[in-house]
Amino acid sequence: MSEDRERWRGAIDGQPLRPGRFAGSSFPLEPLYAPEDLPAGFDPERDLGYPGFFPFTRGIQPTGYRGRLWTMRQYAGFGSAEETNARFRWLLEQGQTGLSVAFDLPTQMGYDSTDPLAEGEAGRAGVAIDSLEDMERLFDGIPLDRVTTSMTINATAAILLSMYEAVAESRGVPAASLGGTTQNDILKEYQARGTFIFPPGPSLRLTTDLIEYCTRRLPRWNPISVSGYHIREAGATAVQELAFTFANGRAYVRAAIERGLAVDSFAPRISFFFNAHNHLFEEAAKFRAARRIWARIMRDEFGATDPRSWMLRFHTQTAGSTLTAQQPDVNVVRTAVQAIAAVLGGTQSLHTNSRDEALSLPSEEAALLALRTQQVLAEESGIADVIDPLGGSWYVEALTERLEREAGALMARIEEMGGILKAIETGFIQNEIHQSAYAHQRAVQSGEAGVVGVNRHVMEEQVRPPAFRLDPDLARSQAGRLEALRRRRDAARVEAALGALERNARGEGSLIEPLSECVRAYATVGEMCGRLRGVFGVYREPGVR
């Protein structure tokens, strides 16, 4: 310890200091950081480098935001395809630069809107898509060759992408020009989110089928977005978000290589999706650590030689789990802080949550304010003027190092127990997340973790914005359309396509082509998934301690 630091330590001895473990931080923090807080042997040239060069700590593009701002991609989807299409058009008119589709739970779980298990859920948490006809309405008038589209869809990802490609094909848009992302990250569904259908083995087969298909046919499409976002929303810490996300990423890379794909043929199109939480500096450091972790995994573990395979490309969304129904206007501040963390961390794409999302789906007014938050950051704050403005901060570099080290230790533990599938089957991942979520909730309830409006600065009377309301006739109108489609389509073609899908599922070949034929025959999501359930069965969660 330097003499100056010893003198400073002496000066603060006996002074009242807040404890070093703060709400949102993964580990205790020192009150001050200096060069000696960096790990022994820290080498800026080796461990930081320059933007655009391995290990990409400072960003994957040499020019950072000085070359191009992040994509402003607001998540949207509710009710019918027509209603969501209108919201998409409006957002694009307001300056949004990419689309992000939210699908309702029946679509995500492989049920039609008319299924008894879908009662009350059609169009509620996203847009209802039962068939190619709905997808045609969803993207009516939207230039698919000029707008990139992200789809938060997992168990039914192959079906929805087949629909998107069919819509483009009908408009003369070649598959090679389609740009966007299917989330297609089924492993995190078993860990945190729950919209799985089939057991992990068949699900991983479908995920790999889509990676293989996009590698051959859709060169601009990201076939998978490995998602830490939902892991964090379920209660994980920043360290767990990194470790579990990259453990999943490893599994997908291994599956694609086992399928016979060369790593450099598909790795450049793997993307990621992270959460931006409240602790500004830890979150910014998390993104910097994430780039370094992935670069080393791909180069040193999988032997990728194309530098594009080493680059972590990711979308960020602000933390929905931090939004409160109490004093909802304060959510604007939370979202702005989280967006700043994402931008300081170098995200390539960003969604900012709306202030009313703890109450309902976002209103148009709230969605506009969320988009304007990004635009103010981009155009007025100066945050994008310098590449990696936090680089070299002793505090941020120490956080980056520690996050990488602790995430690596947790990933090694998963490998020792047999890999991520084994960790899911035994409930290890789920239990780790639940324990973290429980610890945080206890801290909030005890008052140890402060939440403005909930256990700090509470107000007796609160004015809430009017909640967004869905069309109460949606279920009936959606059912009517579906029945009309079934009467109008070629029933023999539908049955032949579904039969071919079932036969392929019993074999070992790719399922994308038979699914595409089902889609083009106007088979429904429920019909396709029903045939696959008959072959693969359904997944039941293990008990979690």
Protein backbone atom coordinates (compact mmCIF):
# COMPACT_ATOMS: atom_id res chain seq x y z
CA MET A 1 0.00 0.00 0.00
CA SER A 2 1.36 3.44 -0.94
CA GLU A 3 2.14 6.03 1.72
CA ASP A 4 -0.58 8.31 0.35
CA ARG A 5 -3.16 5.55 0.64
CA GLU A 6 -2.05 4.78 4.19
CA ARG A 7 -2.51 8.45 5.10
CA TRP A 8 -5.94 8.46 3.51
CA ARG A 9 -6.87 5.29 5.41
CA GLY A 10 -5.80 6.94 8.62
CA ALA A 11 -7.91 9.99 7.81
CA ILE A 12 -11.11 7.98 7.44
CA ASP A 13 -10.52 5.67 10.43
CA GLY A 14 -13.36 6.15 12.85
CA GLN A 15 -15.40 8.19 10.35
CA PRO A 16 -18.98 7.04 9.72
CA LEU A 17 -19.14 5.17 6.41
CA ARG A 18 -22.08 3.47 4.81
CA PRO A 19 -21.58 -0.32 4.52
CA GLY A 20 -19.83 -1.56 1.41
CA ARG A 21 -22.57 -3.99 0.29
CA PHE A 22 -25.18 -1.98 -1.55
CA ALA A 23 -28.49 -2.88 -3.16
CA GLY A 24 -27.80 -4.10 -6.65
CA SER A 25 -24.08 -4.75 -6.18
CA SER A 26 -22.80 -8.31 -6.48
CA PHE A 27 -20.07 -7.94 -3.87
CA PRO A 28 -18.82 -5.44 -1.25
CA LEU A 29 -17.31 -2.28 -2.71
CA GLU A 30 -14.34 -0.31 -1.45
CA PRO A 31 -15.03 3.35 -0.65
CA LEU A 32 -12.20 4.36 -3.02
CA TYR A 33 -10.33 2.64 -5.85
CA ALA A 34 -6.70 3.16 -6.81
CA PRO A 35 -4.13 1.39 -9.05
CA GLU A 36 -3.37 -1.21 -6.37
CA ASP A 37 -6.98 -2.42 -6.54
CA LEU A 38 -6.33 -3.88 -9.96
CA PRO A 39 -5.19 -7.52 -9.97
CA ALA A 40 -1.48 -8.26 -9.93
CA GLY A 41 -0.12 -8.38 -13.44
CA PHE A 42 -2.91 -6.28 -14.93
CA ASP A 43 -1.74 -5.28 -18.39
CA PRO A 44 -3.76 -2.56 -20.19
CA GLU A 45 -2.44 -3.63 -23.59
CA ARG A 46 -3.38 -7.29 -23.02
CA ASP A 47 -6.51 -6.97 -20.86
CA LEU A 48 -8.05 -3.84 -22.39
CA GLY A 49 -6.51 -3.33 -25.80
CA TYR A 50 -8.24 -0.97 -28.19
CA PRO A 51 -11.80 -0.90 -29.53
CA GLY A 52 -12.27 -3.34 -32.37
CA PHE A 53 -9.42 -5.60 -31.28
CA PHE A 54 -9.17 -8.69 -29.06
CA PRO A 55 -10.27 -9.03 -26.27
CA PHE A 56 -12.79 -6.28 -27.16
CA THR A 57 -13.11 -5.00 -23.59
CA ARG A 58 -13.50 -1.50 -25.01
CA GLY A 59 -15.95 -2.44 -27.76
CA ILE A 60 -16.16 -4.50 -30.93
CA GLN A 61 -16.08 -1.55 -33.35
CA PRO A 62 -12.94 0.60 -33.71
CA THR A 63 -15.09 3.73 -34.03
CA GLY A 64 -17.61 2.96 -31.24
CA TYR A 65 -20.55 5.36 -31.28
CA ARG A 66 -18.49 7.93 -33.14
CA GLY A 67 -19.05 5.74 -36.19
CA ARG A 68 -22.64 4.65 -35.58
CA LEU A 69 -25.10 5.03 -32.72
CA TRP A 70 -26.75 2.02 -31.16
CA THR A 71 -29.99 0.71 -32.71
CA MET A 72 -33.06 2.03 -30.89
CA ARG A 73 -35.30 -1.03 -30.88
CA GLN A 74 -38.43 -0.66 -28.74
CA TYR A 75 -40.17 -3.93 -27.83
CA ALA A 76 -43.83 -3.91 -28.87
CA GLY A 77 -46.69 -6.30 -29.41
CA PHE A 78 -50.25 -6.56 -28.09
CA GLY A 79 -53.69 -7.58 -29.15
CA SER A 80 -54.24 -8.32 -32.81
CA ALA A 81 -51.75 -8.21 -35.67
CA GLU A 82 -53.42 -5.03 -36.97
CA GLU A 83 -53.07 -3.19 -33.65
CA THR A 84 -49.39 -4.12 -33.33
CA ASN A 85 -48.75 -3.19 -36.96
CA ALA A 86 -50.14 0.28 -36.23
CA ARG A 87 -47.82 0.62 -33.21
CA PHE A 88 -44.84 -0.54 -35.32
CA ARG A 89 -45.56 2.07 -38.00
CA TRP A 90 -45.97 4.79 -35.40
CA LEU A 91 -42.70 3.90 -33.65
CA LEU A 92 -40.82 3.96 -36.95
CA GLU A 93 -42.31 7.39 -37.69
CA GLN A 94 -41.00 8.60 -34.30
CA GLY A 95 -37.41 7.66 -35.17
CA GLN A 96 -37.12 4.06 -33.95
CA THR A 97 -34.54 2.26 -36.06
CA GLY A 98 -35.51 -1.41 -35.61
CA LEU A 99 -38.53 -3.52 -34.68
CA SER A 100 -38.81 -5.90 -31.73
CA VAL A 101 -41.84 -8.19 -31.56
CA ALA A 102 -43.52 -9.37 -28.37
CA PHE A 103 -45.69 -12.46 -28.90
CA ASP A 104 -48.49 -13.49 -26.58
CA LEU A 105 -48.16 -16.54 -24.33
CA PRO A 106 -50.26 -18.92 -26.47
CA THR A 107 -48.01 -18.20 -29.47
CA GLN A 108 -44.90 -18.73 -27.33
CA MET A 109 -46.26 -21.96 -25.82
CA GLY A 110 -47.51 -23.44 -29.10
CA TYR A 111 -51.27 -23.07 -28.68
CA ASP A 112 -53.82 -21.46 -30.96
CA SER A 113 -55.91 -18.58 -29.63
CA THR A 114 -58.95 -20.90 -29.64
CA ASP A 115 -57.34 -23.58 -27.47
CA PRO A 116 -59.00 -23.93 -24.03
CA LEU A 117 -55.55 -23.55 -22.43
CA ALA A 118 -55.24 -20.12 -24.10
CA GLU A 119 -58.45 -18.76 -22.65
CA GLY A 120 -58.00 -15.16 -21.49
CA GLU A 121 -54.43 -14.95 -22.80
CA ALA A 122 -54.84 -14.21 -26.52
CA GLY A 123 -53.09 -10.92 -27.27
CA ARG A 124 -52.60 -10.08 -23.60
CA ALA A 125 -48.79 -10.19 -23.15
CA GLY A 126 -47.98 -9.71 -26.81
CA VAL A 127 -49.44 -10.06 -30.28
CA ALA A 128 -51.48 -13.16 -31.14
CA ILE A 129 -50.06 -15.06 -34.13
CA ASP A 130 -51.91 -18.25 -35.04
CA SER A 131 -50.94 -18.62 -38.70
CA LEU A 132 -49.10 -17.12 -41.65
CA GLU A 133 -52.19 -14.99 -42.26
CA ASP A 134 -51.62 -13.19 -38.94
CA MET A 135 -47.95 -12.65 -39.79
CA GLU A 136 -48.94 -11.13 -43.13
CA ARG A 137 -51.14 -8.62 -41.30
CA LEU A 138 -48.48 -7.94 -38.67
CA PHE A 139 -45.93 -6.74 -41.23
CA ASP A 140 -48.32 -5.19 -43.74
CA GLY A 141 -46.67 -2.17 -45.37
CA ILE A 142 -43.39 -2.55 -43.48
CA PRO A 143 -40.29 -2.78 -45.73
CA LEU A 144 -38.71 -6.03 -44.58
CA ASP A 145 -35.61 -5.46 -46.71
CA ARG A 146 -34.90 -2.14 -44.96
CA VAL A 147 -35.97 -2.75 -41.35
CA THR A 148 -34.34 -5.28 -39.04
CA THR A 149 -36.70 -7.26 -36.84
CA SER A 150 -36.04 -8.96 -33.51
CA MET A 151 -38.46 -11.64 -32.34
CA THR A 152 -38.66 -12.70 -28.70
CA ILE A 153 -39.66 -16.26 -29.43
CA ASN A 154 -38.07 -19.51 -28.28
CA ALA A 155 -39.94 -22.82 -28.28
CA THR A 156 -41.75 -21.85 -31.49
CA ALA A 157 -38.91 -19.79 -32.99
CA ALA A 158 -38.53 -21.99 -36.08
CA ILE A 159 -42.23 -21.61 -36.88
CA LEU A 160 -42.28 -17.83 -36.50
CA LEU A 161 -39.13 -17.31 -38.56
CA SER A 162 -40.60 -19.54 -41.29
CA MET A 163 -43.64 -17.28 -41.30
CA TYR A 164 -41.48 -14.15 -41.53
CA GLU A 165 -39.51 -15.60 -44.43
CA ALA A 166 -42.74 -16.61 -46.20
CA VAL A 167 -44.11 -13.07 -45.88
CA ALA A 168 -40.90 -11.66 -47.34
CA GLU A 169 -40.95 -14.23 -50.15
CA SER A 170 -44.52 -13.27 -51.09
CA ARG A 171 -43.35 -9.66 -51.51
CA GLY A 172 -40.34 -10.54 -53.62
CA VAL A 173 -37.84 -9.86 -50.80
CA PRO A 174 -35.00 -12.42 -51.03
CA ALA A 175 -34.11 -14.38 -47.91
CA ALA A 176 -30.49 -13.22 -48.17
CA SER A 177 -31.56 -9.61 -47.57
CA LEU A 178 -33.54 -10.26 -44.38
CA GLY A 179 -31.90 -8.85 -41.26
CA GLY A 180 -32.89 -9.49 -37.68
CA THR A 181 -32.82 -11.94 -34.79
CA THR A 182 -34.83 -14.83 -33.41
CA GLN A 183 -34.18 -15.26 -29.71
CA ASN A 184 -34.34 -19.07 -30.05
CA ASP A 185 -32.62 -19.51 -26.66
CA ILE A 186 -34.54 -22.45 -25.23
CA LEU A 187 -32.13 -23.33 -22.41
CA LYS A 188 -32.83 -20.17 -20.42
CA GLU A 189 -36.55 -21.00 -20.60
CA TYR A 190 -35.93 -23.99 -18.34
CA GLN A 191 -33.82 -21.84 -16.03
CA ALA A 192 -35.81 -18.66 -15.67
CA ARG A 193 -38.66 -17.84 -18.03
CA GLY A 194 -40.80 -20.94 -18.43
CA THR A 195 -42.10 -20.78 -22.02
CA PHE A 196 -40.80 -24.22 -22.94
CA ILE A 197 -42.82 -26.99 -24.57
CA PHE A 198 -40.65 -30.04 -25.21
CA PRO A 199 -37.90 -31.68 -23.12
CA PRO A 200 -34.40 -30.13 -23.42
CA GLY A 201 -33.05 -32.69 -25.91
CA PRO A 202 -35.64 -32.19 -28.69
CA SER A 203 -35.71 -28.46 -27.96
CA LEU A 204 -31.95 -28.19 -28.44
CA ARG A 205 -32.37 -30.10 -31.70
CA LEU A 206 -34.86 -27.48 -32.97
CA THR A 207 -32.58 -24.65 -31.88
CA THR A 208 -29.65 -26.20 -33.71
CA ASP A 209 -31.79 -26.85 -36.80
CA LEU A 210 -32.50 -23.13 -36.98
CA ILE A 211 -28.84 -22.18 -36.53
CA GLU A 212 -27.91 -24.56 -39.35
CA TYR A 213 -30.72 -23.29 -41.60
CA CYS A 214 -29.83 -19.61 -41.14
CA THR A 215 -26.15 -20.34 -41.72
CA ARG A 216 -27.04 -21.78 -45.13
CA ARG A 217 -29.95 -19.56 -46.21
CA LEU A 218 -30.22 -16.32 -44.19
CA PRO A 219 -26.70 -14.86 -43.95
CA ARG A 220 -27.86 -11.56 -42.39
CA TRP A 221 -30.10 -13.18 -39.79
CA ASN A 222 -28.98 -13.90 -36.21
CA PRO A 223 -30.43 -17.37 -35.57
CA ILE A 224 -30.04 -17.11 -31.80
CA SER A 225 -29.87 -14.41 -29.15
CA VAL A 226 -28.49 -16.00 -26.00
CA SER A 227 -30.41 -14.25 -23.30
CA GLY A 228 -29.18 -13.25 -19.87
CA TYR A 229 -32.02 -10.74 -19.63
CA HIS A 230 -34.65 -13.15 -18.36
CA ILE A 231 -32.17 -14.85 -16.05
CA ARG A 232 -31.58 -11.46 -14.39
CA GLU A 233 -35.30 -10.65 -14.35
CA ALA A 234 -35.89 -13.89 -12.44
CA GLY A 235 -33.59 -12.67 -9.66
CA ALA A 236 -30.03 -13.58 -10.67
CA THR A 237 -27.05 -11.39 -9.78
CA ALA A 238 -24.81 -9.80 -12.40
CA VAL A 239 -22.27 -12.61 -11.91
CA GLN A 240 -24.95 -15.28 -12.38
CA GLU A 241 -26.32 -13.50 -15.42
CA LEU A 242 -22.90 -13.66 -17.06
CA ALA A 243 -22.10 -17.23 -16.00
CA PHE A 244 -25.42 -18.84 -16.91
CA THR A 245 -25.71 -16.95 -20.20
CA PHE A 246 -22.26 -17.98 -21.39
CA ALA A 247 -22.76 -21.56 -20.17
CA ASN A 248 -25.82 -21.65 -22.42
CA GLY A 249 -23.83 -20.08 -25.25
CA ARG A 250 -21.20 -22.79 -24.93
CA ALA A 251 -23.88 -25.47 -25.24
CA TYR A 252 -25.26 -23.98 -28.46
CA VAL A 253 -21.80 -23.70 -30.02
CA ARG A 254 -21.04 -27.32 -29.10
CA ALA A 255 -24.36 -28.50 -30.54
CA ALA A 256 -23.73 -26.70 -33.83
CA ILE A 257 -20.20 -28.09 -34.09
CA GLU A 258 -21.51 -31.60 -33.36
CA ARG A 259 -24.02 -31.06 -36.18
CA GLY A 260 -21.03 -30.64 -38.49
CA LEU A 261 -20.91 -26.85 -38.83
CA ALA A 262 -17.52 -25.13 -38.87
CA VAL A 263 -17.37 -22.74 -35.93
CA ASP A 264 -16.50 -19.72 -38.06
CA SER A 265 -19.46 -20.40 -40.36
CA PHE A 266 -22.07 -19.62 -37.69
CA ALA A 267 -20.36 -17.94 -34.70
CA PRO A 268 -20.33 -14.42 -36.22
CA ARG A 269 -24.14 -14.49 -36.23
CA ILE A 270 -24.60 -15.53 -32.60
CA SER A 271 -25.96 -12.56 -30.67
CA PHE A 272 -26.71 -11.94 -27.00
CA PHE A 273 -29.34 -10.14 -24.94
CA PHE A 274 -28.51 -8.63 -21.55
CA ASN A 275 -30.26 -6.77 -18.75
CA ALA A 276 -29.30 -3.26 -17.67
CA HIS A 277 -29.97 -3.08 -13.93
CA ASN A 278 -29.77 -0.23 -11.43
CA HIS A 279 -26.14 -0.31 -10.27
CA LEU A 280 -24.73 1.92 -12.99
CA PHE A 281 -21.01 1.20 -12.76
CA GLU A 282 -21.34 -2.53 -12.11
CA GLU A 283 -23.67 -2.87 -15.09
CA ALA A 284 -21.32 -0.95 -17.40
CA ALA A 285 -18.44 -3.13 -16.17
CA LYS A 286 -20.57 -6.24 -16.73
CA PHE A 287 -20.89 -5.50 -20.43
CA ARG A 288 -17.15 -4.87 -20.73
CA ALA A 289 -16.40 -8.17 -18.92
CA ALA A 290 -18.92 -9.99 -21.11
CA ARG A 291 -17.09 -9.05 -24.30
CA ARG A 292 -13.81 -10.31 -22.87
CA ILE A 293 -15.30 -13.59 -21.63
CA TRP A 294 -16.90 -14.44 -24.97
CA ALA A 295 -13.80 -13.49 -26.97
CA ARG A 296 -11.66 -15.84 -24.91
CA ILE A 297 -14.21 -18.67 -25.05
CA MET A 298 -14.49 -18.50 -28.81
CA ARG A 299 -10.80 -18.07 -29.59
CA ASP A 300 -9.15 -20.17 -26.91
CA GLU A 301 -11.76 -22.86 -26.25
CA PHE A 302 -13.44 -23.37 -29.63
CA GLY A 303 -10.51 -22.38 -31.83
CA ALA A 304 -12.40 -19.82 -33.91
CA THR A 305 -9.99 -18.00 -36.20
CA ASP A 306 -12.29 -15.36 -37.71
CA PRO A 307 -12.15 -12.25 -35.46
CA ARG A 308 -15.87 -11.76 -36.09
CA SER A 309 -16.46 -15.02 -34.20
CA TRP A 310 -14.76 -13.54 -31.14
CA MET A 311 -16.97 -10.43 -31.06
CA LEU A 312 -19.83 -10.26 -28.58
CA ARG A 313 -22.74 -8.52 -30.27
CA PHE A 314 -25.61 -7.79 -27.92
CA HIS A 315 -28.92 -6.04 -27.39
CA THR A 316 -29.80 -4.58 -23.99
CA GLN A 317 -33.12 -3.93 -22.31
CA THR A 318 -33.59 -1.94 -19.15
CA ALA A 319 -34.74 -3.92 -16.11
CA GLY A 320 -38.48 -4.47 -16.01
CA SER A 321 -38.20 -6.11 -12.60
CA THR A 322 -37.04 -2.82 -11.06
CA LEU A 323 -40.14 -0.89 -12.15
CA THR A 324 -42.69 -0.11 -9.45
CA ALA A 325 -46.44 0.42 -9.49
CA GLN A 326 -45.89 2.99 -6.72
CA GLN A 327 -44.93 6.45 -8.02
CA PRO A 328 -44.62 5.14 -11.61
CA ASP A 329 -43.14 8.39 -12.92
CA VAL A 330 -39.98 7.52 -10.96
CA ASN A 331 -39.57 4.61 -13.37
CA VAL A 332 -38.50 7.13 -16.00
CA VAL A 333 -35.46 7.93 -13.86
CA ARG A 334 -34.65 4.27 -13.25
CA THR A 335 -34.86 3.54 -16.96
CA ALA A 336 -32.62 6.50 -17.82
CA VAL A 337 -29.94 5.35 -15.34
CA GLN A 338 -30.06 1.82 -16.74
CA ALA A 339 -29.88 3.10 -20.31
CA ILE A 340 -26.79 5.16 -19.41
CA ALA A 341 -25.16 2.00 -18.01
CA ALA A 342 -25.92 0.11 -21.23
CA VAL A 343 -24.49 2.85 -23.42
CA LEU A 344 -21.40 3.33 -21.24
CA GLY A 345 -20.95 -0.44 -21.52
CA GLY A 346 -21.10 -0.28 -25.31
CA THR A 347 -24.38 -1.99 -26.26
CA GLN A 348 -25.17 -2.24 -29.97
CA SER A 349 -28.94 -2.11 -29.52
CA LEU A 350 -31.20 -0.85 -26.74
CA HIS A 351 -34.79 -1.01 -25.55
CA THR A 352 -35.90 1.37 -22.80
CA ASN A 353 -38.89 0.27 -20.72
CA SER A 354 -41.94 2.46 -20.33
CA ARG A 355 -42.91 4.02 -17.00
CA ASP A 356 -46.29 2.24 -16.82
CA GLU A 357 -45.13 -1.35 -17.39
CA ALA A 358 -45.66 -2.30 -13.74
CA LEU A 359 -49.33 -1.45 -14.28
CA SER A 360 -50.15 -2.61 -17.80
CA LEU A 361 -48.86 -2.87 -21.32
CA PRO A 362 -47.20 0.43 -22.32
CA SER A 363 -49.44 3.24 -23.46
CA GLU A 364 -48.48 5.10 -26.62
CA GLU A 365 -47.52 8.16 -24.56
CA ALA A 366 -45.26 6.12 -22.25
CA ALA A 367 -43.66 4.27 -25.16
CA LEU A 368 -42.84 7.59 -26.83
CA LEU A 369 -41.23 8.93 -23.66
CA ALA A 370 -39.12 5.75 -23.39
CA LEU A 371 -37.92 6.22 -26.97
CA ARG A 372 -37.24 9.92 -26.37
CA THR A 373 -35.07 8.91 -23.39
CA GLN A 374 -32.72 7.12 -25.77
CA GLN A 375 -32.79 9.97 -28.25
CA VAL A 376 -31.85 12.54 -25.58
CA LEU A 377 -28.94 10.35 -24.50
CA ALA A 378 -27.78 9.98 -28.09
CA GLU A 379 -28.21 13.57 -29.22
CA GLU A 380 -27.91 15.80 -26.15
CA SER A 381 -25.95 14.15 -23.34
CA GLY A 382 -22.50 13.74 -24.89
CA ILE A 383 -22.44 10.13 -23.71
CA ALA A 384 -21.65 8.89 -27.23
CA ASP A 385 -18.97 11.46 -28.02
CA VAL A 386 -15.97 9.41 -26.81
CA ILE A 387 -15.35 5.70 -27.25
CA ASP A 388 -15.39 3.76 -23.95
CA PRO A 389 -15.36 6.84 -21.69
CA LEU A 390 -15.02 4.67 -18.56
CA GLY A 391 -11.93 2.85 -19.82
CA GLY A 392 -8.98 3.16 -17.46
CA SER A 393 -11.08 4.00 -14.41
CA TRP A 394 -9.53 2.05 -11.53
CA TYR A 395 -12.99 1.40 -10.15
CA VAL A 396 -14.52 0.21 -13.44
CA GLU A 397 -11.49 -1.89 -14.40
CA ALA A 398 -11.46 -3.53 -10.95
CA LEU A 399 -15.19 -4.30 -11.29
CA THR A 400 -14.67 -5.65 -14.80
CA GLU A 401 -11.89 -7.96 -13.61
CA ARG A 402 -13.86 -9.24 -10.64
CA LEU A 403 -17.02 -9.88 -12.62
CA GLU A 404 -15.04 -11.85 -15.20
CA ARG A 405 -13.23 -13.85 -12.52
CA GLU A 406 -16.32 -14.75 -10.48
CA ALA A 407 -18.42 -15.57 -13.55
CA GLY A 408 -15.59 -17.81 -14.77
CA ALA A 409 -15.51 -19.68 -11.46
CA LEU A 410 -19.26 -20.31 -11.63
CA MET A 411 -19.01 -21.48 -15.25
CA ALA A 412 -16.24 -23.90 -14.24
CA ARG A 413 -18.51 -25.30 -11.53
CA ILE A 414 -21.21 -25.96 -14.15
CA GLU A 415 -18.68 -27.74 -16.36
CA GLU A 416 -17.59 -29.92 -13.42
CA MET A 417 -21.16 -31.12 -12.85
CA GLY A 418 -21.44 -32.24 -16.49
CA GLY A 419 -22.48 -29.10 -18.36
CA ILE A 420 -25.51 -26.89 -18.59
CA LEU A 421 -28.06 -29.60 -19.46
CA LYS A 422 -27.08 -31.53 -16.34
CA ALA A 423 -27.25 -28.33 -14.29
CA ILE A 424 -30.79 -27.74 -15.58
CA GLU A 425 -31.93 -31.33 -15.07
CA THR A 426 -30.79 -31.31 -11.44
CA GLY A 427 -32.35 -27.90 -10.79
CA PHE A 428 -28.99 -26.35 -9.88
CA ILE A 429 -29.39 -23.25 -12.06
CA GLN A 430 -33.00 -22.70 -11.04
CA ASN A 431 -32.12 -23.04 -7.36
CA GLU A 432 -29.23 -20.57 -7.61
CA ILE A 433 -31.51 -17.98 -9.21
CA HIS A 434 -34.29 -18.56 -6.69
CA GLN A 435 -31.90 -18.16 -3.77
CA SER A 436 -30.64 -14.83 -5.15
CA ALA A 437 -34.17 -13.61 -5.79
CA TYR A 438 -35.20 -14.59 -2.26
CA ALA A 439 -32.22 -12.80 -0.73
CA HIS A 440 -33.05 -9.61 -2.63
CA GLN A 441 -36.73 -9.74 -1.68
CA ARG A 442 -35.83 -10.19 1.97
CA ALA A 443 -33.51 -7.19 1.75
CA VAL A 444 -36.33 -5.06 0.31
CA GLN A 445 -38.84 -6.22 2.89
CA SER A 446 -36.44 -5.59 5.76
CA GLY A 447 -35.55 -2.15 4.41
CA GLU A 448 -31.90 -3.04 3.90
CA ALA A 449 -32.35 -2.49 0.15
CA GLY A 450 -34.04 0.81 -0.53
CA VAL A 451 -36.64 1.19 -3.29
CA VAL A 452 -38.01 4.70 -3.76
CA GLY A 453 -41.79 4.70 -3.40
CA VAL A 454 -41.86 1.20 -1.88
CA ASN A 455 -39.83 1.39 1.33
CA ARG A 456 -38.20 4.82 0.91
CA HIS A 457 -39.92 8.18 0.38
CA VAL A 458 -43.35 6.56 0.43
CA MET A 459 -46.34 8.79 -0.36
CA GLU A 460 -49.85 8.31 1.00
CA GLU A 461 -51.66 9.48 -2.15
CA GLN A 462 -50.45 8.57 -5.58
CA VAL A 463 -51.70 9.61 -8.99
CA ARG A 464 -51.34 6.81 -11.50
CA PRO A 465 -51.44 7.20 -15.27
CA PRO A 466 -54.40 5.56 -16.98
CA ALA A 467 -53.65 1.91 -17.75
CA PHE A 468 -53.55 0.69 -21.33
CA ARG A 469 -56.59 -1.47 -22.12
CA LEU A 470 -56.81 -4.25 -24.68
CA ASP A 471 -59.78 -4.72 -26.99
CA PRO A 472 -62.19 -6.90 -24.95
CA ASP A 473 -63.48 -8.49 -28.19
CA LEU A 474 -60.04 -9.65 -29.29
CA ALA A 475 -60.49 -13.34 -28.39
CA ARG A 476 -63.79 -13.56 -30.27
CA SER A 477 -62.50 -11.77 -33.38
CA GLN A 478 -59.28 -13.83 -33.39
CA ALA A 479 -61.28 -17.04 -33.11
CA GLY A 480 -63.53 -15.95 -35.98
CA ARG A 481 -60.55 -15.29 -38.23
CA LEU A 482 -59.01 -18.63 -37.36
CA GLU A 483 -62.19 -20.54 -38.13
CA ALA A 484 -62.55 -18.68 -41.45
CA LEU A 485 -58.97 -19.59 -42.34
CA ARG A 486 -59.58 -23.27 -41.62
CA ARG A 487 -62.60 -23.29 -43.93
CA ARG A 488 -60.74 -21.47 -46.70
CA ARG A 489 -57.37 -23.29 -46.80
CA ASP A 490 -56.52 -26.51 -48.66
CA ALA A 491 -57.22 -29.11 -45.96
CA ALA A 492 -55.49 -31.91 -47.86
CA ARG A 493 -52.30 -29.86 -48.23
CA VAL A 494 -52.37 -28.99 -44.53
CA GLU A 495 -52.75 -32.62 -43.49
CA ALA A 496 -50.00 -33.77 -45.85
CA ALA A 497 -47.62 -31.13 -44.48
CA LEU A 498 -48.42 -31.99 -40.86
CA GLY A 499 -47.93 -35.67 -41.57
CA ALA A 500 -44.52 -35.02 -43.13
CA LEU A 501 -43.57 -32.91 -40.10
CA GLU A 502 -44.48 -35.74 -37.73
CA ARG A 503 -42.50 -38.30 -39.74
CA ASN A 504 -39.44 -36.03 -39.82
CA ALA A 505 -39.69 -35.48 -36.07
CA ARG A 506 -39.43 -39.24 -35.53
CA GLY A 507 -36.21 -39.25 -37.54
CA GLU A 508 -33.04 -37.22 -37.18
CA GLY A 509 -33.19 -34.71 -40.05
CA SER A 510 -33.76 -30.98 -39.83
CA LEU A 511 -37.29 -29.88 -39.04
CA ILE A 512 -37.09 -26.44 -40.64
CA GLU A 513 -38.09 -27.48 -44.16
CA PRO A 514 -41.17 -29.48 -43.08
CA LEU A 515 -42.17 -26.64 -40.74
CA SER A 516 -41.82 -24.18 -43.62
CA GLU A 517 -44.15 -26.29 -45.74
CA CYS A 518 -46.69 -26.40 -42.91
CA VAL A 519 -46.50 -22.63 -42.58
CA ARG A 520 -47.03 -22.08 -46.32
CA ALA A 521 -50.00 -24.44 -46.24
CA TYR A 522 -51.47 -22.18 -43.51
CA ALA A 523 -51.27 -24.78 -40.76
CA THR A 524 -51.57 -23.12 -37.36
CA VAL A 525 -49.02 -22.83 -34.59
CA GLY A 526 -51.16 -25.09 -32.41
CA GLU A 527 -51.47 -27.75 -35.10
CA MET A 528 -47.73 -27.88 -35.75
CA CYS A 529 -46.80 -27.97 -32.06
CA GLY A 530 -49.49 -30.55 -31.41
CA ARG A 531 -47.84 -32.95 -33.84
CA LEU A 532 -44.44 -32.32 -32.27
CA ARG A 533 -45.83 -32.85 -28.76
CA GLY A 534 -47.07 -36.22 -29.90
CA VAL A 535 -43.51 -37.21 -30.82
CA PHE A 536 -41.35 -35.38 -28.27
CA GLY A 537 -43.65 -35.19 -25.26
CA VAL A 538 -43.74 -32.20 -22.91
CA TYR A 539 -41.31 -31.06 -20.21
CA ARG A 540 -42.08 -31.08 -16.49
CA GLU A 541 -39.91 -28.98 -14.20
CA PRO A 542 -37.85 -30.65 -11.46
CA GLY A 543 -38.48 -29.61 -7.89
CA VAL A 544 -36.46 -26.60 -6.75
CA ARG A 545 -35.20 -26.46 -3.19
